Amino acid sequence: MNADVRRFLSGLAPLVVAAAIAAPLLVVLASVIAPAAGTSAHVWSTTGPLYLANTAALALMVAAGALALGVPTAALAAITEFPGRRFLAVALALPLAVPAYIAAYAYGDLAGPFGPIAAVFGAAPDVKSLPGAAFVLTLANYPYVYLAARASFDSRSGALLEAARAQGASPARAVLSVLAPAGRAAIMGGLALALMETVADYGVADYAGVPTLSVGVFRTWRGLGDLVAASQIA
């Protein structure tokens, strides 16, 4: 293979990869200008507002939960020393290894009417609900916030905490007033990833019986048989 062919192939490969990645987005964008058959208008006039409301509520609950879990655990893993800290630092990221819908099925069995939680306490929370879906998606996606915050805290925690402690701040106050604001960009980046996963989720929302935008896209495509309208909703 001569040098010209190698240069051509080396330049072509990135274009092929970029085209493969961009193809789904281009299809969705093309659907915006495609002629509609009235399905989109029907969906938005009936179930569309419910899809939007549930998606927004789910995103808000997951955002609050991911921040409440991800930031304190990142600070715990980054700035404290205790037996098992290294194991805990790795274990806190493990929920990313479990698909969210599998976690939903597992929690559904645990909290079902014949599950161990009901057997011990006599009752169990309902996983098949909006709060239940938010609970599962929070546990599945908070590691995005945790990993981003921990990376930020690891890179700057020493000097900032020493300065805060020198001013008389308690460890908790130093984290809240100094370390967390300094890592705001990283935390928001992790939160954005968690929310993108939440909004795009179909399995957990469908299992929990929560009609979100992702569920609406699937119903429009498979139930109403209109791929263009489903793409427009997406």
Protein backbone atom coordinates (compact mmCIF):
# COMPACT_ATOMS: atom_id res chain seq x y z
CA MET A 1 0.00 0.00 0.00
CA ASN A 2 1.59 3.26 -1.11
CA ALA A 3 1.71 6.48 0.89
CA ASP A 4 -1.10 8.19 -1.05
CA VAL A 5 -3.54 5.35 -0.36
CA ARG A 6 -2.62 5.32 3.33
CA ARG A 7 -3.19 9.07 3.58
CA PHE A 8 -6.53 8.72 1.82
CA LEU A 9 -7.69 5.93 4.14
CA SER A 10 -6.45 7.73 7.25
CA GLY A 11 -8.46 10.78 6.22
CA LEU A 12 -11.52 8.75 5.24
CA ALA A 13 -11.80 6.76 8.48
CA PRO A 14 -12.66 9.76 10.72
CA LEU A 15 -15.28 10.90 8.20
CA VAL A 16 -16.94 7.47 8.20
CA VAL A 17 -16.99 7.38 12.01
CA ALA A 18 -18.38 10.93 12.19
CA ALA A 19 -21.08 10.11 9.64
CA ALA A 20 -22.13 7.00 11.58
CA ILE A 21 -22.36 9.00 14.81
CA ALA A 22 -24.22 11.91 13.21
CA ALA A 23 -26.71 9.80 11.21
CA PRO A 24 -29.36 9.40 13.97
CA LEU A 25 -29.22 13.11 14.78
CA LEU A 26 -29.56 14.02 11.11
CA VAL A 27 -32.59 11.76 10.77
CA VAL A 28 -34.26 13.44 13.75
CA LEU A 29 -33.45 16.91 12.43
CA ALA A 30 -34.76 15.99 8.98
CA SER A 31 -38.05 14.88 10.52
CA VAL A 32 -38.65 18.41 11.77
CA ILE A 33 -39.17 19.65 8.21
CA ALA A 34 -40.90 16.48 7.01
CA PRO A 35 -44.62 16.77 6.23
CA ALA A 36 -46.69 15.68 9.22
CA ALA A 37 -49.71 13.40 8.97
CA GLY A 38 -51.48 14.99 11.93
CA THR A 39 -50.17 12.47 14.44
CA SER A 40 -47.81 14.95 16.10
CA ALA A 41 -50.61 17.48 16.60
CA HIS A 42 -52.83 14.76 18.03
CA VAL A 43 -50.14 13.64 20.49
CA TRP A 44 -49.34 17.17 21.66
CA SER A 45 -53.02 18.00 22.12
CA THR A 46 -53.72 14.88 24.19
CA THR A 47 -50.88 13.13 26.01
CA GLY A 48 -48.02 15.47 25.09
CA PRO A 49 -48.40 17.80 28.10
CA LEU A 50 -48.41 14.77 30.41
CA TYR A 51 -45.20 13.48 28.79
CA LEU A 52 -43.55 16.86 29.33
CA ALA A 53 -44.75 17.24 32.92
CA ASN A 54 -43.62 13.75 33.94
CA THR A 55 -40.25 14.17 32.24
CA ALA A 56 -39.66 17.53 33.94
CA ALA A 57 -40.71 16.19 37.35
CA LEU A 58 -38.53 13.11 36.94
CA ALA A 59 -35.54 15.22 35.90
CA LEU A 60 -35.95 17.56 38.87
CA MET A 61 -36.18 14.71 41.37
CA VAL A 62 -33.20 12.90 39.89
CA ALA A 63 -31.19 16.14 39.83
CA ALA A 64 -31.87 16.75 43.52
CA GLY A 65 -31.08 13.15 44.42
CA ALA A 66 -27.92 12.96 42.32
CA LEU A 67 -26.54 16.13 43.89
CA ALA A 68 -27.50 15.00 47.39
CA LEU A 69 -25.74 11.66 46.90
CA GLY A 70 -22.93 12.50 44.51
CA VAL A 71 -21.36 15.58 46.10
CA PRO A 72 -21.14 14.42 49.76
CA THR A 73 -19.85 10.98 48.78
CA ALA A 74 -17.25 12.58 46.51
CA ALA A 75 -16.07 14.77 49.39
CA LEU A 76 -16.02 11.75 51.69
CA ALA A 77 -13.89 9.75 49.26
CA ALA A 78 -11.57 12.63 48.38
CA ILE A 79 -10.73 14.38 51.65
CA THR A 80 -11.19 11.86 54.45
CA GLU A 81 -9.22 8.86 55.64
CA PHE A 82 -10.89 5.81 57.15
CA PRO A 83 -10.60 2.03 56.82
CA GLY A 84 -12.05 0.87 53.53
CA ARG A 85 -11.99 4.30 51.90
CA ARG A 86 -10.34 3.06 48.71
CA PHE A 87 -12.84 0.25 48.36
CA LEU A 88 -15.73 2.65 48.97
CA ALA A 89 -14.34 5.11 46.42
CA VAL A 90 -14.55 2.41 43.76
CA ALA A 91 -17.82 0.88 44.97
CA LEU A 92 -19.64 4.21 44.78
CA ALA A 93 -19.19 4.18 40.99
CA LEU A 94 -20.44 0.61 40.51
CA PRO A 95 -24.12 1.50 39.85
CA LEU A 96 -22.98 2.57 36.38
CA ALA A 97 -22.26 -1.10 35.66
CA VAL A 98 -25.92 -2.08 36.18
CA PRO A 99 -28.48 -1.09 33.51
CA ALA A 100 -31.13 1.10 35.08
CA TYR A 101 -34.03 -1.08 33.94
CA ILE A 102 -32.39 -4.14 35.54
CA ALA A 103 -32.12 -2.19 38.78
CA ALA A 104 -35.80 -1.26 38.45
CA TYR A 105 -36.79 -4.93 38.15
CA ALA A 106 -34.62 -5.80 41.16
CA TYR A 107 -36.09 -3.06 43.34
CA GLY A 108 -39.55 -4.01 42.12
CA ASP A 109 -39.04 -7.55 43.40
CA LEU A 110 -37.55 -6.35 46.69
CA ALA A 111 -40.39 -3.90 47.31
CA GLY A 112 -43.17 -6.03 45.85
CA PRO A 113 -46.13 -7.23 47.92
CA PHE A 114 -44.41 -10.58 48.46
CA GLY A 115 -40.86 -9.25 48.64
CA PRO A 116 -38.54 -9.23 51.65
CA ILE A 117 -39.25 -5.58 52.54
CA ALA A 118 -42.98 -6.22 52.85
CA ALA A 119 -42.28 -9.45 54.74
CA VAL A 120 -40.18 -7.64 57.34
CA PHE A 121 -42.00 -4.31 57.67
CA GLY A 122 -45.49 -5.29 56.59
CA ALA A 123 -45.51 -2.76 53.74
CA ALA A 124 -43.15 -1.49 51.07
CA PRO A 125 -42.80 1.65 48.96
CA ASP A 126 -44.30 1.51 45.49
CA VAL A 127 -41.50 1.38 42.92
CA LYS A 128 -44.01 1.53 40.08
CA SER A 129 -44.65 5.25 40.46
CA LEU A 130 -43.03 8.56 39.62
CA PRO A 131 -41.11 8.74 42.93
CA GLY A 132 -40.12 5.10 42.48
CA ALA A 133 -38.75 5.77 39.00
CA ALA A 134 -36.88 8.81 40.35
CA PHE A 135 -35.41 6.67 43.14
CA VAL A 136 -34.11 4.04 40.72
CA LEU A 137 -32.74 6.56 38.23
CA THR A 138 -31.07 8.53 41.01
CA LEU A 139 -29.22 5.46 42.24
CA ALA A 140 -28.34 4.51 38.66
CA ASN A 141 -27.05 7.92 37.59
CA TYR A 142 -25.65 9.70 40.66
CA PRO A 143 -22.17 8.23 39.93
CA TYR A 144 -21.85 10.73 37.07
CA VAL A 145 -21.97 13.52 39.64
CA TYR A 146 -19.84 11.56 42.09
CA LEU A 147 -17.04 10.84 39.61
CA ALA A 148 -16.92 14.39 38.26
CA ALA A 149 -16.99 15.95 41.73
CA ARG A 150 -14.41 13.55 43.10
CA ALA A 151 -12.01 14.28 40.23
CA SER A 152 -12.37 17.99 40.94
CA PHE A 153 -11.96 17.56 44.70
CA ASP A 154 -8.92 15.30 44.28
CA SER A 155 -7.14 17.92 42.18
CA ARG A 156 -7.65 20.88 44.49
CA SER A 157 -8.88 19.76 47.90
CA GLY A 158 -5.60 20.03 49.84
CA ALA A 159 -4.75 23.71 49.45
CA LEU A 160 -8.35 24.92 49.57
CA LEU A 161 -9.22 22.96 52.69
CA GLU A 162 -6.07 24.06 54.46
CA ALA A 163 -6.87 27.68 53.70
CA ALA A 164 -10.46 27.27 54.90
CA ARG A 165 -9.43 25.47 58.07
CA ALA A 166 -6.84 28.18 58.76
CA GLN A 167 -9.73 30.65 58.77
CA GLY A 168 -11.50 28.57 61.41
CA ALA A 169 -14.02 26.77 59.17
CA SER A 170 -15.24 23.33 60.21
CA PRO A 171 -14.68 20.45 57.75
CA ALA A 172 -18.34 20.48 56.69
CA ARG A 173 -18.36 24.25 56.24
CA ALA A 174 -15.10 24.11 54.30
CA VAL A 175 -16.60 21.60 51.87
CA LEU A 176 -19.85 23.54 51.42
CA SER A 177 -18.39 27.03 51.20
CA VAL A 178 -15.06 26.40 49.47
CA LEU A 179 -14.66 22.98 47.87
CA ALA A 180 -18.13 22.58 46.33
CA PRO A 181 -18.17 26.07 44.72
CA ALA A 182 -14.69 25.47 43.32
CA GLY A 183 -15.90 22.24 41.72
CA ARG A 184 -19.16 23.72 40.43
CA ALA A 185 -18.27 23.30 36.75
CA ALA A 186 -17.36 19.62 37.19
CA ILE A 187 -20.46 18.97 39.29
CA MET A 188 -22.72 20.59 36.70
CA GLY A 189 -21.06 18.54 33.96
CA GLY A 190 -21.73 15.32 35.84
CA LEU A 191 -25.29 16.44 36.55
CA ALA A 192 -25.85 17.15 32.86
CA LEU A 193 -24.83 13.58 32.01
CA ALA A 194 -27.14 12.19 34.70
CA LEU A 195 -30.05 14.24 33.39
CA MET A 196 -29.41 13.22 29.78
CA GLU A 197 -29.54 9.58 30.86
CA THR A 198 -32.74 10.27 32.80
CA VAL A 199 -34.55 12.04 29.97
CA ALA A 200 -33.48 9.39 27.46
CA ASP A 201 -34.50 6.48 29.69
CA TYR A 202 -37.29 4.24 28.47
CA GLY A 203 -36.97 1.00 30.44
CA VAL A 204 -37.39 2.38 33.97
CA ALA A 205 -40.17 4.79 33.00
CA ASP A 206 -42.10 2.08 31.18
CA TYR A 207 -41.67 -0.41 34.04
CA ALA A 208 -42.79 2.18 36.59
CA GLY A 209 -45.78 3.18 34.47
CA VAL A 210 -44.62 6.78 34.10
CA PRO A 211 -45.36 8.19 30.63
CA THR A 212 -42.34 10.34 29.79
CA LEU A 213 -41.20 11.75 26.46
CA SER A 214 -39.16 8.61 25.76
CA VAL A 215 -42.21 6.45 26.41
CA GLY A 216 -44.23 8.79 24.19
CA VAL A 217 -41.73 8.41 21.35
CA PHE A 218 -41.98 4.62 21.54
CA ARG A 219 -45.78 4.66 21.76
CA THR A 220 -46.06 6.99 18.78
CA TRP A 221 -43.70 4.86 16.74
CA ARG A 222 -45.00 1.39 17.61
CA GLY A 223 -48.54 2.15 18.73
CA LEU A 224 -49.55 4.77 16.17
CA GLY A 225 -47.17 3.52 13.49
CA ASP A 226 -45.80 6.98 12.68
CA LEU A 227 -42.01 7.10 12.68
CA VAL A 228 -41.93 10.72 11.47
CA ALA A 229 -44.14 11.90 14.34
CA ALA A 230 -42.04 9.90 16.81
CA SER A 231 -38.90 11.58 15.48
CA GLN A 232 -40.55 14.99 15.75
CA ILE A 233 -41.40 14.32 19.40
CA ALA A 234 -37.82 13.20 20.00
